[in-house]
Amino acid sequence: MMATIQQIDDNSYTVTNRGTHMVLEKHRDGWRMKTKNAATRVWGMGGESWKDFGSLEEVERNYKSWRGIAALVDSAGQVPLTAVCH
């Protein structure tokens, strides 16, 4: 089963895949991936770890679950959310 990218708000997206919960947020000049999984909980990292990316294309190269995020963010910027939800 493929993971589904869900939009939280204008600058945040989430995916849950195989026990890992990831949140991608716009951060400064790029994007920050926050990850919660069994390893972060066991090793006492405050429940999550994070990694910064310069572009959405870089996110897609590093995480298969996030393939398509660049197109989703691009389309979300062009179409108001209210137009999608009628």
Protein backbone atom coordinates (compact mmCIF):
# COMPACT_ATOMS: atom_id res chain seq x y z
CA MET A 1 0.00 0.00 0.00
CA MET A 2 1.35 3.42 -0.97
CA ALA A 3 1.64 6.12 1.65
CA THR A 4 -0.61 9.13 1.11
CA ILE A 5 0.70 12.66 1.44
CA GLN A 6 -1.79 14.81 3.36
CA GLN A 7 -1.73 18.59 3.61
CA ILE A 8 -1.95 19.94 7.18
CA ASP A 9 -1.88 23.65 6.31
CA ASP A 10 -0.29 26.00 3.76
CA ASN A 11 3.27 25.04 4.74
CA SER A 12 2.99 21.56 6.31
CA TYR A 13 2.42 18.05 4.97
CA THR A 14 2.36 14.62 6.61
CA VAL A 15 2.90 10.96 5.70
CA THR A 16 2.68 7.85 7.85
CA ASN A 17 4.42 4.81 6.39
CA ARG A 18 5.37 1.49 8.04
CA GLY A 19 5.36 2.80 11.60
CA THR A 20 7.08 6.08 10.79
CA HIS A 21 5.22 9.38 11.07
CA MET A 22 6.80 12.21 9.07
CA VAL A 23 5.91 15.90 8.93
CA LEU A 24 7.40 18.15 6.26
CA GLU A 25 7.35 21.87 7.04
CA LYS A 26 8.54 24.97 5.21
CA HIS A 27 11.59 26.13 7.17
CA ARG A 28 13.63 29.26 6.39
CA ASP A 29 14.85 28.89 2.79
CA GLY A 30 14.03 25.19 2.52
CA TRP A 31 12.12 22.34 4.14
CA ARG A 32 12.44 20.42 7.44
CA MET A 33 11.44 16.78 7.81
CA LYS A 34 10.42 15.75 11.34
CA THR A 35 10.33 12.00 11.88
CA LYS A 36 8.87 9.89 14.72
CA ASN A 37 9.44 6.14 14.75
CA ALA A 38 10.47 3.34 17.11
CA ALA A 39 14.15 4.31 16.97
CA THR A 40 13.56 7.94 17.96
CA ARG A 41 11.32 6.87 20.83
CA VAL A 42 13.80 4.25 22.15
CA TRP A 43 16.90 6.43 21.92
CA GLY A 44 15.26 9.32 23.77
CA MET A 45 15.53 11.92 21.05
CA GLY A 46 12.51 13.76 22.39
CA GLY A 47 10.28 11.57 20.28
CA GLU A 48 11.41 12.91 16.92
CA SER A 49 14.41 13.61 14.75
CA TRP A 50 14.68 16.13 11.95
CA LYS A 51 16.62 16.79 8.78
CA ASP A 52 16.75 19.94 6.65
CA PHE A 53 16.50 19.99 2.84
CA GLY A 54 17.16 22.78 0.37
CA SER A 55 14.38 21.77 -2.02
CA LEU A 56 11.38 19.47 -2.41
CA GLU A 57 13.25 17.61 -5.15
CA GLU A 58 15.90 16.74 -2.55
CA VAL A 59 13.16 15.42 -0.24
CA GLU A 60 11.83 13.23 -3.06
CA ARG A 61 15.31 11.83 -3.78
CA ASN A 62 15.78 10.84 -0.12
CA TYR A 63 12.30 9.51 0.73
CA LYS A 64 10.25 7.31 -1.61
CA SER A 65 7.12 8.05 0.46
CA TRP A 66 7.40 11.72 -0.51
CA ARG A 67 7.54 11.28 -4.29
CA GLY A 68 5.13 13.78 -5.81
CA ILE A 69 5.40 16.38 -3.02
CA ALA A 70 6.93 19.00 -5.35
CA ALA A 71 3.96 18.74 -7.73
CA LEU A 72 1.49 18.77 -4.83
CA VAL A 73 3.00 21.91 -3.30
CA ASP A 74 3.13 23.58 -6.72
CA SER A 75 -0.55 22.80 -7.41
CA ALA A 76 -1.61 23.82 -3.89
CA GLY A 77 -0.02 27.22 -4.49
CA GLN A 78 -2.04 27.68 -7.67
CA VAL A 79 -5.45 26.41 -6.54
CA PRO A 80 -7.18 27.76 -3.41
CA LEU A 81 -8.08 25.01 -0.91
CA THR A 82 -11.69 26.20 -0.84
CA ALA A 83 -11.96 25.43 -4.56
CA VAL A 84 -10.88 21.83 -3.92
CA CYS A 85 -13.36 21.24 -1.06
CA HIS A 86 -16.75 22.01 -2.63
